Each structure stands twice: as structure tokens, then as C-alpha cells.
Amino acid sequence: MLAIWAQTVENCRVQGRSESNRELLDAAALCRQLVREGSVEAFLADHRHQLFPDDLFADLFSSGRGRPSIPGDVVATVMVLQALEGLSDRDAARALRDRISWKVACGLALDDEGFDYSVLTYWRTRLRKSDRPERIFDAVRSVIDATGVLRGKTRRALDSTLLDDAVATQDTVTQLIAAIRRVRRVVPGAAEVTLSAHDYDTSGKPTIAWDDPVAKAALVDGLVNDALTLLAAFADDASEAEATSALALLALVAGQDVEQDDTGTWTIVRKVAPDRVISVVDPEARHMHKSRSVYRDGYKAHIAVEPETGLVTAAALTPANAPDGPTGVTLLDGEEPGLQVLADGAYGSGDTLAALRAAKHQRAIKPFPTAPAVPGGFHRDDFVIDHDADTVTCPIGHTVTITPKRHATFGARCRGCPLRSRCTRSKDGRVLRLTPHDHELVESRRAWRDGDFTEDYRRWRPMVERSIAWLVAGNHRRVRFRGVEKNQLGLSMRIAAINLRRLVNLGLAHDGRWMLNG
């Protein structure tokens, strides 16, 4: 394996160039008719040079030493087809070796053996470390801009979907043991520290009676104390980045799920810590409930879609517990003001609504329903707020001043009020707690209630759900890598492939310039 990797590195020091002259067994010359017209493979066979010109990847290979690499248009074509079909690196390399359609798309000869799968890993690493890691997505986006297909399109639909992580979720015991093992492995001298809860040089979990709560509690206490021993021993000694990272992760894992009881014993807490690390193998993955009964561990893909064409204009990947609203706002960065933004209640927070207003976009966001303090009674929108005077008037007409903490306390005014039973059950009277952007929330609910954008919402927003379905189709619900950065590159590649397929279906062609013939 090391020999293959070394050969790959040697072969990739200089960017290769595709030959313009066809080989004797050129797949396109002999078998082009076997590749379905209107397919992505057929399009790439004809236009990969225009889509992925040599200078698109020139900065990845600044050195003039070494042997020429595989041509950039060939690797980019394989990456797009790989992302389209959801193949592993090994399967993608195999497809290039034995599929006629892939050879035609890449301009190879029928007897061309392709390249080793490690080339794809090497190129992804080069892309990720470059100034433009998402250049393949940007290349497809530049084609979209050149066709003018989005010109005059003033709607964007926002949505997100949860993606499963690529590793197994770990319980508290497994995380503690794995984190301690990593510290002992990467921190100089850590392996010499005496620890007593477990033999960390052996694989697997400790051999205890796992159905015995006393034995399990003793193990948890011992593991936490071992972790604290290591942290105390190397609190000021770690200088290497890897050692510092290992100690920081151990400190996080040792503190997120446990607490000390009155006897000084460490026990597992009966609640989920905020922003809990679910695996030391992939520390950036997170736990997220889609509903009370459905949850996922991993990441969240956020997309912005132009709903008439179904083209994805922007995408971002975050840990699964990241809120939708702020990320959705960033997806619209660089867009011209005046968009109608269609989204569900996850994008309806006051901060998000205020940010969209500041960007001069129109909000077509379905708000979450509000619950009254008393079932069937008055809720927030039945109170009249004068933000200039900082006053609140209740349904019966009592007016109070808003406090510095943004509270409106009616107190004694509720005594004897004939509407009290519909307003509050508190003996101290009704208290209205206002958020910083309360007026944005009120206006959002009014607009939905009055039908300001209901028709547009029902007509145009479903396209983003269809785009989500395209995104996760097949085996794309699970990410292939660890960490946000690597999976962001994977997401951008997947979106580029989906957009390209959509453009081809719309009639994408090139005759000196990009155009749509459909």
C-alpha cells in the first residue's frame, strides 16, 4: 500500500494534459453509440475540456518536477460520476477500468487500465488544502451563470436534511477508553502514567458484568479518574498540535456525560449534554432529533434551490445540531436583494427573519404555530405592543410598560378581570416575555394567517424537497468521510453532479458558449 501511495504521489507532482489525437482503440470513436444521448457521460465525453479546462487545476501542481499526473479533466470527470452514483474510491476506479460509458466520458482507450483508487484520495486532499476547494462546484455554477438560466429568477427555497455519520456512535465508556488510548499513543510519556481502571493496551471493552449496575458504576468512576490523572499529568506539557488535540478531546469526553455525587464518585448523568460529542473517532458529528421518536447522529446538509429550475445555488454542511436559520442566511450571501425566500418554520426565528429583512429579501416562511397560555385562550398576538412607547396592552385594555428585561407584567391588573380564565392560570397574573425580534415573529404569523404568500409557498417550495430527495437518493444518506471539512467537499461534489445532470436534462450544450437548447 505504501508503495502504491508513493507511486501516486510521484505521478501527481505535475499536472497531466489530455491528448487531442485519438488513440487506436479510442472508446468514444468505437463505442460512442452505446452511451445514451442526454446522459451525463455523453455530455462529458463531448464537453469535459470546456467544463474542466487544464488551467482550472494548475495551482494544485505548482512544482515542475516529477512525472505528469493524470489529466485534470479526467480526474474531475471521474469525481463527478463517482459523486453522481455514490461510489467508493475503489468502485470508482473499477468503473473507470471496466465501464465503456466511463471510458467514453473520460476520453480513454478501451484497453486503458485507468488509475489506482488512491489518486482520488490524493486529489481530494489537494483540493481541500487549496484556496478553492469547491472549484468543481464553482465550475458547474459558472456554466449555470453563463446560460442565463437563473436570470430574472427571484425565488430561493431553503431546506436541510440530516445525514448519517460514517462511524459508529459510542457510549460514554467506549469514548473514555478510546480518548485515553489516543492520549497514551500521541502524548510523549503518557503511556508511562499508571492507570488502574482498565488495561488500555488491550482491544475491546473491559470484561465486567455489564448487567451489574454496581460494576458498571465502578468502571465509570475508574475511567473518569484515569482521565483526570492523565490530564493533570500533562496539563502544561503538551506542545505538539496532535497531543494538544488529544488532551482537549479527553477533557471534553471526561466532562460531558458524568458528574460527581455526594460521595465523590463519578456517575453518568441522566441527561444529554448540550453539543455532546458522540464519537471520538469523528468528534465533529452530533446527535439530532428529527422528531420525538426519530433521531440521527451525524451532520446536516443545507441547500438553497431555485425552485423553477431545481438548480441548487448554494450548499453547506454542518454538525447535525446546528440551527437551520443562520446557515440558511449565509447560503444567500452574494445574491441580489429582493429574493422571495421560501422556507419552513425552522427558518422562522426572530434573528433569521431580521437578517433576511436586513438583506432586503421578502420572507415567505411558514411560522410554527403558537400555543396560548390557556388552551383555547389568548396568545401573544392578542396583545398590542407599541415598540416606540415600550408598552403592551392586553385584550381587555390594560396597558403596562415593558421592563428592561423585555417583560410585560400585568400582576394586580389581572385580579377580578372577567377574561382572566382565558388569559392565565398564574396567581400572580399574566407575564408576557418578549424576544428581541418579537415584532418580526408577529409580522411573520400575520402574513401567513392573512395569506400574503400562501399560494407561492405551496406552489414553489416543494421543489426544494424534491432536491433533497435527489441529494440523498441511493446510498447518499450516509456521509463518506469524517469531519465537517471533508464532508463539505463531498457535499459540494454531489451538488455539482446533481446540477450538471439537471442542466443536461434542460438541454445544456456548448457552441463557443454555454446555452440551453431545451
Protein backbone atom coordinates (compact mmCIF):
# COMPACT_ATOMS: atom_id res chain seq x y z
CA MET A 1 0.00 0.00 0.00
CA LEU A 2 2.84 2.43 0.87
CA ALA A 3 4.48 1.64 -2.45
CA ILE A 4 1.26 2.42 -4.32
CA TRP A 5 0.83 5.69 -2.41
CA ALA A 6 4.45 6.70 -3.10
CA GLN A 7 3.99 5.97 -6.79
CA THR A 8 0.76 8.00 -6.79
CA VAL A 9 2.50 10.98 -5.21
CA GLU A 10 5.35 10.74 -7.71
CA ASN A 11 2.91 10.59 -10.62
CA CYS A 12 0.89 13.59 -9.39
CA ARG A 13 3.60 16.21 -8.98
CA VAL A 14 2.98 17.69 -12.40
CA GLN A 15 -0.44 18.18 -13.94
CA GLY A 16 -1.09 15.99 -16.95
CA ARG A 17 -2.68 17.11 -20.22
CA SER A 18 -5.24 15.27 -22.32
CA GLU A 19 -4.11 14.39 -25.82
CA SER A 20 -6.18 15.88 -28.66
CA ASN A 21 -5.32 13.00 -31.01
CA ARG A 22 -7.42 9.88 -30.59
CA GLU A 23 -5.79 6.58 -29.76
CA LEU A 24 -6.20 3.47 -31.89
CA LEU A 25 -8.77 1.92 -29.53
CA ASP A 26 -10.40 5.18 -28.50
CA ALA A 27 -13.61 4.29 -26.66
CA ALA A 28 -15.55 7.29 -27.98
CA ALA A 29 -14.62 6.52 -31.61
CA LEU A 30 -15.60 2.88 -31.36
CA CYS A 31 -18.42 2.81 -28.78
CA ARG A 32 -19.90 6.31 -28.55
CA GLN A 33 -23.22 4.99 -29.87
CA LEU A 34 -23.52 2.73 -26.81
CA VAL A 35 -23.66 5.69 -24.44
CA ARG A 36 -27.17 7.06 -24.09
CA GLU A 37 -27.67 10.53 -25.56
CA GLY A 38 -28.73 13.02 -22.93
CA SER A 39 -26.73 11.26 -20.22
CA VAL A 40 -24.07 12.94 -18.11
CA GLU A 41 -21.48 10.54 -19.54
CA ALA A 42 -22.33 11.56 -23.11
CA PHE A 43 -22.18 15.25 -22.19
CA LEU A 44 -18.78 14.87 -20.51
CA ALA A 45 -17.46 12.94 -23.48
CA ASP A 46 -18.20 15.95 -25.68
CA HIS A 47 -17.57 18.88 -23.32
CA ARG A 48 -15.33 17.90 -20.38
CA HIS A 49 -12.50 20.04 -21.78
CA GLN A 50 -14.71 23.15 -21.79
CA LEU A 51 -16.16 22.34 -18.36
CA PHE A 52 -12.84 21.40 -16.73
CA PRO A 53 -10.02 23.19 -18.63
CA ASP A 54 -6.42 22.46 -17.71
CA ASP A 55 -5.90 25.82 -16.01
CA LEU A 56 -8.73 25.04 -13.54
CA PHE A 57 -6.30 22.81 -11.62
CA ALA A 58 -2.96 24.42 -12.49
CA ASP A 59 -2.35 25.82 -8.99
CA LEU A 60 -2.62 22.33 -7.45
CA PHE A 61 0.61 21.35 -9.18
CA SER A 62 2.94 24.31 -8.92
CA SER A 63 6.06 22.15 -8.94
CA GLY A 64 7.69 21.44 -12.30
CA ARG A 65 9.35 18.30 -11.02
CA GLY A 66 8.14 14.74 -11.31
CA ARG A 67 6.23 12.88 -13.97
CA PRO A 68 2.95 14.15 -15.43
CA SER A 69 -0.16 13.34 -13.45
CA ILE A 70 -3.47 12.10 -14.79
CA PRO A 71 -5.12 14.95 -16.76
CA GLY A 72 -7.30 17.20 -14.61
CA ASP A 73 -10.36 16.85 -16.84
CA VAL A 74 -10.18 13.06 -16.49
CA VAL A 75 -9.96 13.11 -12.68
CA ALA A 76 -12.70 15.74 -12.43
CA THR A 77 -14.93 13.67 -14.71
CA VAL A 78 -14.39 10.59 -12.57
CA MET A 79 -15.14 12.60 -9.41
CA VAL A 80 -18.41 13.87 -10.87
CA LEU A 81 -19.52 10.40 -11.98
CA GLN A 82 -18.44 8.97 -8.63
CA ALA A 83 -20.50 11.59 -6.76
CA LEU A 84 -23.45 11.01 -9.07
CA GLU A 85 -23.52 7.27 -8.38
CA GLY A 86 -22.30 7.31 -4.77
CA LEU A 87 -19.33 5.01 -5.35
CA SER A 88 -16.35 4.45 -3.11
CA ASP A 89 -12.90 5.30 -4.43
CA ARG A 90 -12.22 1.62 -5.15
CA ASP A 91 -15.51 1.17 -7.01
CA ALA A 92 -15.00 4.37 -8.99
CA ALA A 93 -11.53 3.24 -10.08
CA ARG A 94 -13.02 -0.12 -11.03
CA ALA A 95 -15.78 1.56 -13.02
CA LEU A 96 -13.20 3.58 -14.94
CA ARG A 97 -11.32 0.38 -15.72
CA ASP A 98 -14.23 -1.73 -16.95
CA ARG A 99 -17.17 0.51 -17.92
CA ILE A 100 -17.40 1.64 -21.53
CA SER A 101 -19.53 4.67 -20.64
CA TRP A 102 -16.91 5.96 -18.17
CA LYS A 103 -14.09 5.46 -20.67
CA VAL A 104 -16.09 7.37 -23.28
CA ALA A 105 -16.79 10.16 -20.80
CA CYS A 106 -13.09 10.43 -19.92
CA GLY A 107 -11.77 10.08 -23.48
CA LEU A 108 -9.81 6.90 -22.75
CA ALA A 109 -8.97 3.93 -24.93
CA LEU A 110 -10.87 0.71 -24.46
CA ASP A 111 -7.78 -1.04 -23.12
CA ASP A 112 -6.82 1.82 -20.76
CA GLU A 113 -6.48 0.49 -17.21
CA GLY A 114 -7.43 3.81 -15.64
CA PHE A 115 -5.67 4.72 -12.41
CA ASP A 116 -5.33 3.49 -8.85
CA TYR A 117 -8.13 4.48 -6.47
CA SER A 118 -5.62 6.33 -4.25
CA VAL A 119 -5.42 9.03 -6.95
CA LEU A 120 -8.90 10.18 -5.94
CA THR A 121 -7.85 10.45 -2.30
CA TYR A 122 -4.75 12.39 -3.30
CA TRP A 123 -6.70 14.84 -5.47
CA ARG A 124 -9.33 15.43 -2.80
CA THR A 125 -6.58 16.24 -0.33
CA ARG A 126 -5.02 18.68 -2.80
CA LEU A 127 -8.37 20.32 -3.43
CA ARG A 128 -9.23 20.55 0.27
CA LYS A 129 -5.94 22.24 1.10
CA SER A 130 -6.15 24.69 -1.80
CA ASP A 131 -7.58 28.21 -1.87
CA ARG A 132 -10.56 26.97 -3.92
CA PRO A 133 -11.55 23.55 -2.58
CA GLU A 134 -15.01 23.64 -4.21
CA ARG A 135 -13.80 24.58 -7.70
CA ILE A 136 -15.66 21.72 -9.37
CA PHE A 137 -18.93 23.01 -7.89
CA ASP A 138 -17.89 26.52 -8.94
CA ALA A 139 -17.14 25.32 -12.47
CA VAL A 140 -20.67 23.97 -12.82
CA ARG A 141 -22.04 27.13 -11.21
CA SER A 142 -20.18 29.24 -13.79
CA VAL A 143 -21.91 27.22 -16.52
CA ILE A 144 -25.26 27.97 -14.87
CA ASP A 145 -24.42 31.68 -14.86
CA ALA A 146 -23.24 31.58 -18.48
CA THR A 147 -26.50 30.03 -19.70
CA GLY A 148 -28.52 32.78 -18.00
CA VAL A 149 -31.00 30.18 -16.77
CA LEU A 150 -31.28 31.95 -13.41
CA ARG A 151 -31.60 35.41 -14.88
CA GLY A 152 -34.79 37.01 -13.61
CA LYS A 153 -35.45 34.15 -11.18
CA THR A 154 -36.22 35.87 -7.89
CA ARG A 155 -37.07 32.95 -5.63
CA ARG A 156 -34.91 30.73 -3.45
CA ALA A 157 -36.19 27.83 -1.35
CA LEU A 158 -34.23 26.79 1.74
CA ASP A 159 -34.20 23.42 3.46
CA SER A 160 -31.91 20.95 5.20
CA THR A 161 -31.68 17.22 5.77
CA LEU A 162 -29.89 15.06 8.33
CA LEU A 163 -27.06 12.83 7.12
CA ASP A 164 -25.80 9.77 8.99
CA ASP A 165 -22.17 9.82 10.08
CA ALA A 166 -19.58 7.39 8.78
CA VAL A 167 -18.69 5.91 12.18
CA ALA A 168 -20.49 4.11 14.97
CA THR A 169 -21.92 6.18 17.81
CA GLN A 170 -20.04 5.48 21.03
CA ASP A 171 -21.35 5.28 24.56
CA THR A 172 -19.64 7.01 27.49
CA VAL A 173 -17.44 4.05 28.40
CA THR A 174 -16.26 3.49 24.84
CA GLN A 175 -15.50 7.19 24.36
CA LEU A 176 -13.50 7.42 27.58
CA ILE A 177 -11.42 4.35 26.74
CA ALA A 178 -10.80 5.49 23.15
CA ALA A 179 -9.82 9.01 24.26
CA ILE A 180 -7.44 7.68 26.92
CA ARG A 181 -5.86 5.29 24.41
CA ARG A 182 -5.30 8.16 21.98
CA VAL A 183 -3.58 10.29 24.65
CA ARG A 184 -1.35 7.37 25.59
CA ARG A 185 -0.48 6.92 21.92
CA VAL A 186 0.28 10.51 20.86
CA VAL A 187 1.40 12.31 24.03
CA PRO A 188 5.05 11.53 24.86
CA GLY A 189 5.32 9.87 28.26
CA ALA A 190 1.58 9.29 28.70
CA ALA A 191 1.93 5.53 28.32
CA GLU A 192 4.16 5.52 31.43
CA VAL A 193 1.49 7.01 33.68
CA THR A 194 -0.04 4.40 36.00
CA LEU A 195 -3.76 3.90 35.37
CA SER A 196 -5.94 1.38 37.14
CA ALA A 197 -9.45 1.17 35.67
CA HIS A 198 -8.59 -0.81 32.54
CA ASP A 199 -5.76 -2.35 30.55
CA TYR A 200 -5.63 0.20 27.75
CA ASP A 201 -3.16 -1.86 25.73
CA THR A 202 -5.83 -4.46 25.02
CA SER A 203 -8.60 -4.08 22.46
CA GLY A 204 -12.30 -4.12 23.21
CA LYS A 205 -14.30 -3.16 26.25
CA PRO A 206 -13.41 -4.17 29.82
CA THR A 207 -14.55 -7.62 30.93
CA ILE A 208 -17.18 -6.91 33.56
CA ALA A 209 -20.74 -7.94 34.27
CA TRP A 210 -22.43 -5.28 32.15
CA ASP A 211 -25.84 -6.08 33.63
CA ASP A 212 -24.47 -5.33 37.11
CA PRO A 213 -25.07 -1.61 37.84
CA VAL A 214 -22.54 -1.64 40.69
CA ALA A 215 -19.76 -2.99 38.47
CA LYS A 216 -20.61 -0.56 35.68
CA ALA A 217 -20.68 2.38 38.08
CA ALA A 218 -17.27 1.40 39.48
CA LEU A 219 -15.86 1.19 35.95
CA VAL A 220 -17.18 4.63 35.00
CA ASP A 221 -15.71 6.14 38.18
CA GLY A 222 -12.36 4.48 37.49
CA LEU A 223 -12.24 5.60 33.87
CA VAL A 224 -13.00 9.21 34.75
CA ASN A 225 -10.32 9.19 37.44
CA ASP A 226 -7.83 7.74 34.96
CA ALA A 227 -8.71 10.53 32.53
CA LEU A 228 -8.25 13.16 35.23
CA THR A 229 -4.90 11.63 36.16
CA LEU A 230 -3.67 11.96 32.58
CA LEU A 231 -5.00 15.50 32.24
CA ALA A 232 -3.31 16.56 35.47
CA ALA A 233 0.00 14.95 34.46
CA PHE A 234 0.18 16.80 31.13
CA ALA A 235 -1.74 19.99 31.81
CA ASP A 236 1.19 22.21 30.77
CA ASP A 237 3.44 19.83 28.86
CA ALA A 238 1.66 19.26 25.56
CA SER A 239 3.26 21.30 22.79
CA GLU A 240 2.53 19.30 19.64
CA ALA A 241 -0.78 20.03 17.92
CA GLU A 242 -1.81 16.37 17.88
CA ALA A 243 -1.04 15.96 21.58
CA THR A 244 -2.94 19.14 22.48
CA SER A 245 -5.92 17.97 20.43
CA ALA A 246 -5.91 14.54 22.11
CA LEU A 247 -5.83 16.05 25.60
CA ALA A 248 -8.57 18.55 24.75
CA LEU A 249 -10.81 15.78 23.44
CA LEU A 250 -10.17 13.68 26.55
CA ALA A 251 -11.11 16.64 28.76
CA LEU A 252 -14.32 17.13 26.80
CA VAL A 253 -15.33 13.47 26.87
CA ALA A 254 -14.49 13.12 30.56
CA GLY A 255 -16.76 16.01 31.46
CA GLN A 256 -19.74 15.87 29.13
CA ASP A 257 -21.60 12.80 30.43
CA VAL A 258 -20.60 12.46 34.09
CA GLU A 259 -20.99 14.22 37.39
CA GLN A 260 -19.76 13.68 40.95
CA ASP A 261 -22.29 12.57 43.55
CA ASP A 262 -22.22 13.40 47.26
CA THR A 263 -19.68 10.64 47.94
CA GLY A 264 -17.24 11.92 45.32
CA THR A 265 -17.99 9.08 42.90
CA TRP A 266 -18.26 9.86 39.19
CA THR A 267 -21.55 8.70 37.68
CA ILE A 268 -23.22 9.01 34.28
CA VAL A 269 -25.76 11.84 34.24
CA ARG A 270 -29.33 11.16 33.13
CA LYS A 271 -29.44 13.88 30.54
CA VAL A 272 -27.78 14.70 27.23
CA ALA A 273 -25.10 17.37 27.47
CA PRO A 274 -25.50 20.30 25.07
CA ASP A 275 -23.38 19.87 21.93
CA ARG A 276 -22.39 16.38 23.07
CA VAL A 277 -19.55 14.64 21.22
CA ILE A 278 -20.96 11.28 20.11
CA SER A 279 -17.74 9.67 18.89
CA VAL A 280 -14.05 10.32 19.49
CA VAL A 281 -13.41 8.87 16.01
CA ASP A 282 -15.41 11.73 14.47
CA PRO A 283 -15.58 14.49 17.11
CA GLU A 284 -17.49 16.89 14.85
CA ALA A 285 -20.52 14.63 14.37
CA ARG A 286 -23.52 15.42 16.57
CA HIS A 287 -26.82 13.96 17.76
CA MET A 288 -30.06 15.46 16.46
CA HIS A 289 -33.75 14.65 16.98
CA LYS A 290 -35.80 14.98 13.81
CA SER A 291 -38.86 14.35 15.96
CA ARG A 292 -39.51 12.96 19.43
CA SER A 293 -39.15 9.40 18.16
CA VAL A 294 -36.77 9.82 15.21
CA TYR A 295 -33.17 10.90 15.60
CA ARG A 296 -29.90 10.72 13.72
CA ASP A 297 -26.23 11.02 14.52
CA GLY A 298 -24.03 12.86 12.08
CA TYR A 299 -24.34 16.01 10.01
CA LYS A 300 -26.84 18.28 8.33
CA ALA A 301 -26.82 19.33 4.67
CA HIS A 302 -28.31 22.77 3.97
CA ILE A 303 -29.24 23.83 0.44
CA ALA A 304 -30.69 26.82 -1.39
CA VAL A 305 -32.64 25.95 -4.54
CA GLU A 306 -34.04 27.99 -7.41
CA PRO A 307 -37.49 26.35 -7.50
CA GLU A 308 -38.38 26.81 -11.19
CA THR A 309 -35.29 25.01 -12.48
CA GLY A 310 -34.43 22.83 -9.47
CA LEU A 311 -30.81 24.04 -9.55
CA VAL A 312 -29.00 24.24 -6.22
CA THR A 313 -27.42 27.67 -5.88
CA ALA A 314 -25.54 27.06 -2.60
CA ALA A 315 -24.92 24.28 -0.11
CA ALA A 316 -23.31 23.94 3.31
CA LEU A 317 -22.64 21.09 5.70
CA THR A 318 -22.76 21.49 9.49
CA PRO A 319 -22.92 19.24 12.55
CA ALA A 320 -26.41 17.78 12.90
CA ASN A 321 -27.39 20.03 15.81
CA ALA A 322 -26.63 23.31 14.02
CA PRO A 323 -29.72 25.54 13.64
CA ASP A 324 -31.13 25.96 10.14
CA GLY A 325 -31.78 29.70 10.16
CA PRO A 326 -28.26 31.20 10.41
CA THR A 327 -26.87 28.73 7.88
CA GLY A 328 -29.75 29.45 5.52
CA VAL A 329 -28.97 33.16 5.66
CA THR A 330 -25.32 32.52 4.71
CA LEU A 331 -26.44 30.46 1.70
CA LEU A 332 -27.92 33.66 0.27
CA ASP A 333 -24.72 35.69 0.62
CA GLY A 334 -23.87 37.27 -2.69
CA GLU A 335 -27.42 37.11 -4.02
CA GLU A 336 -29.07 40.28 -5.24
CA PRO A 337 -31.61 41.87 -2.85
CA GLY A 338 -35.30 41.28 -3.43
CA LEU A 339 -35.43 37.49 -3.40
CA GLN A 340 -38.55 35.75 -2.16
CA VAL A 341 -37.18 33.28 0.38
CA LEU A 342 -39.37 30.21 0.88
CA ALA A 343 -38.78 28.06 3.95
CA ASP A 344 -40.48 26.21 6.76
CA GLY A 345 -40.66 27.10 10.45
CA ALA A 346 -37.05 26.02 11.11
CA TYR A 347 -36.05 29.28 9.41
CA GLY A 348 -38.63 31.36 11.26
CA SER A 349 -36.66 32.55 14.30
CA GLY A 350 -36.62 36.26 15.03
CA ASP A 351 -32.90 36.51 14.30
CA THR A 352 -33.29 34.83 10.91
CA LEU A 353 -36.28 36.95 9.94
CA ALA A 354 -34.39 40.11 10.93
CA ALA A 355 -31.31 39.03 8.94
CA LEU A 356 -33.42 38.40 5.84
CA ARG A 357 -35.08 41.78 6.22
CA ALA A 358 -31.66 43.44 6.58
CA ALA A 359 -30.61 41.73 3.32
CA LYS A 360 -33.75 43.20 1.71
CA HIS A 361 -35.30 39.84 0.90
CA GLN A 362 -39.00 39.00 1.05
CA ARG A 363 -39.82 36.38 3.69
CA ALA A 364 -42.22 33.61 2.66
CA ILE A 365 -41.62 31.47 5.74
CA LYS A 366 -44.31 29.33 7.31
CA PRO A 367 -44.17 30.04 11.06
CA PHE A 368 -44.51 27.46 13.79
CA PRO A 369 -47.93 27.70 15.48
CA THR A 370 -48.01 29.39 18.88
CA ALA A 371 -49.64 27.82 21.92
CA PRO A 372 -51.75 30.01 24.24
CA ALA A 373 -51.02 30.05 27.97
CA VAL A 374 -54.51 28.61 28.50
CA PRO A 375 -55.91 26.13 25.96
CA GLY A 376 -58.38 27.98 23.76
CA GLY A 377 -57.42 31.28 25.34
CA PHE A 378 -55.39 34.34 24.38
CA HIS A 379 -51.89 34.06 22.97
CA ARG A 380 -49.18 36.56 22.17
CA ASP A 381 -50.79 38.02 19.07
CA ASP A 382 -53.88 39.09 21.03
CA PHE A 383 -51.73 41.65 22.88
CA VAL A 384 -51.00 45.02 21.25
CA ILE A 385 -47.39 46.19 21.57
CA ASP A 386 -46.21 49.73 20.95
CA HIS A 387 -42.48 49.33 20.39
CA ASP A 388 -41.94 53.09 20.22
CA ALA A 389 -43.59 53.67 23.61
CA ASP A 390 -42.41 50.31 25.02
CA THR A 391 -45.90 49.40 26.21
CA VAL A 392 -48.15 46.34 26.00
CA THR A 393 -51.94 46.39 26.03
CA CYS A 394 -53.85 43.24 26.97
CA PRO A 395 -57.12 42.09 25.32
CA ILE A 396 -59.28 43.85 27.91
CA GLY A 397 -57.37 47.12 27.57
CA HIS A 398 -54.86 47.23 30.45
CA THR A 399 -51.55 48.84 29.43
CA VAL A 400 -48.18 48.20 31.12
CA THR A 401 -44.61 49.28 30.41
CA ILE A 402 -42.05 46.81 29.07
CA THR A 403 -39.23 46.23 31.58
CA PRO A 404 -35.52 46.38 30.65
CA LYS A 405 -35.58 42.55 30.51
CA ARG A 406 -38.36 42.77 27.88
CA HIS A 407 -41.09 41.54 30.22
CA ALA A 408 -44.65 42.89 30.43
CA THR A 409 -46.08 42.11 33.88
CA PHE A 410 -49.79 42.68 34.44
CA GLY A 411 -49.85 41.42 38.05
CA ALA A 412 -52.66 43.01 40.10
CA ARG A 413 -54.47 44.12 36.94
CA CYS A 414 -55.47 40.51 36.37
CA ARG A 415 -57.39 40.35 39.67
CA GLY A 416 -61.09 40.40 39.04
CA CYS A 417 -60.56 40.57 35.25
CA PRO A 418 -63.52 38.86 33.54
CA LEU A 419 -61.13 37.49 30.88
CA ARG A 420 -58.60 36.05 33.36
CA SER A 421 -59.70 32.42 32.81
CA ARG A 422 -58.85 32.79 29.10
CA CYS A 423 -55.52 34.52 29.74
CA THR A 424 -53.58 32.95 32.62
CA ARG A 425 -53.67 30.42 35.42
CA SER A 426 -50.88 32.07 37.38
CA LYS A 427 -51.89 33.52 40.74
CA ASP A 428 -49.51 36.41 40.07
CA GLY A 429 -51.21 37.35 36.80
CA ARG A 430 -50.09 37.28 33.19
CA VAL A 431 -46.45 37.92 32.30
CA LEU A 432 -45.54 38.40 28.63
CA ARG A 433 -41.90 37.70 27.82
CA LEU A 434 -40.79 39.36 24.60
CA THR A 435 -37.86 38.35 22.42
CA PRO A 436 -35.52 40.93 20.83
CA HIS A 437 -37.22 40.43 17.45
CA ASP A 438 -40.75 39.92 18.71
CA HIS A 439 -42.20 42.23 16.07
CA GLU A 440 -40.65 40.11 13.30
CA LEU A 441 -42.33 36.99 14.66
CA VAL A 442 -45.69 38.75 14.94
CA GLU A 443 -45.47 40.02 11.37
CA SER A 444 -44.48 36.56 10.11
CA ARG A 445 -47.51 34.96 11.73
CA ARG A 446 -49.80 37.72 10.44
CA ALA A 447 -48.51 37.33 6.88
CA TRP A 448 -49.12 33.58 6.95
CA ARG A 449 -52.54 33.99 8.60
CA ASP A 450 -53.63 36.59 6.03
CA GLY A 451 -52.34 34.55 3.09
CA ASP A 452 -49.77 37.10 1.86
CA PHE A 453 -47.58 34.37 0.36
CA THR A 454 -49.53 31.14 0.95
CA GLU A 455 -50.08 30.44 -2.75
CA ASP A 456 -46.42 30.99 -3.63
CA TYR A 457 -45.32 28.81 -0.72
CA ARG A 458 -47.49 25.89 -1.78
CA ARG A 459 -46.51 26.23 -5.42
CA TRP A 460 -42.76 26.75 -5.23
CA ARG A 461 -41.42 25.30 -2.00
CA PRO A 462 -41.97 21.58 -2.87
CA MET A 463 -39.07 21.76 -5.35
CA VAL A 464 -36.55 22.03 -2.51
CA GLU A 465 -37.96 18.84 -1.02
CA ARG A 466 -37.51 17.15 -4.39
CA SER A 467 -33.92 18.42 -4.49
CA ILE A 468 -33.35 16.95 -1.04
CA ALA A 469 -34.69 13.64 -2.34
CA TRP A 470 -32.21 13.80 -5.25
CA LEU A 471 -29.41 14.62 -2.82
CA VAL A 472 -29.91 11.59 -0.58
CA ALA A 473 -31.09 9.12 -3.25
CA GLY A 474 -29.39 5.76 -3.29
CA ASN A 475 -26.76 5.47 -0.57
CA HIS A 476 -26.13 9.20 -0.17
CA ARG A 477 -27.90 9.50 3.20
CA ARG A 478 -24.64 8.46 4.88
CA VAL A 479 -21.56 10.67 4.60
CA ARG A 480 -18.34 9.02 3.43
CA PHE A 481 -15.80 10.95 5.47
CA ARG A 482 -15.08 12.21 8.97
CA GLY A 483 -15.32 15.85 9.90
CA VAL A 484 -17.07 18.90 8.51
CA GLU A 485 -14.31 19.96 6.11
CA LYS A 486 -14.03 16.66 4.25
CA ASN A 487 -17.77 16.12 4.10
CA GLN A 488 -18.33 19.70 2.90
CA LEU A 489 -16.14 18.89 -0.09
CA GLY A 490 -18.12 15.69 -0.61
CA LEU A 491 -21.40 17.62 -0.46
CA SER A 492 -20.22 20.22 -2.96
CA MET A 493 -19.13 17.45 -5.33
CA ARG A 494 -22.51 15.74 -5.03
CA ILE A 495 -24.37 19.01 -5.66
CA ALA A 496 -22.14 19.74 -8.67
CA ALA A 497 -23.02 16.34 -10.13
CA ILE A 498 -26.76 16.82 -9.50
CA ASN A 499 -26.69 20.32 -11.01
CA LEU A 500 -24.83 19.07 -14.06
CA ARG A 501 -27.36 16.28 -14.57
CA ARG A 502 -30.17 18.82 -14.21
CA LEU A 503 -28.54 21.12 -16.78
CA VAL A 504 -28.08 18.25 -19.21
CA ASN A 505 -31.77 17.40 -18.81
CA LEU A 506 -32.57 21.05 -19.55
CA GLY A 507 -30.64 20.83 -22.82
CA LEU A 508 -27.15 22.08 -21.96
CA ALA A 509 -24.89 22.48 -24.99
CA HIS A 510 -21.68 24.29 -25.95
CA ASP A 511 -21.10 26.03 -29.28
CA GLY A 512 -18.50 28.60 -28.44
CA ARG A 513 -20.57 29.47 -25.38
CA TRP A 514 -22.79 27.63 -22.91
CA MET A 515 -26.51 27.53 -23.79
CA LEU A 516 -29.69 25.62 -23.11
CA ASN A 517 -31.42 24.17 -26.16
CA GLY A 518 -34.39 22.77 -24.26
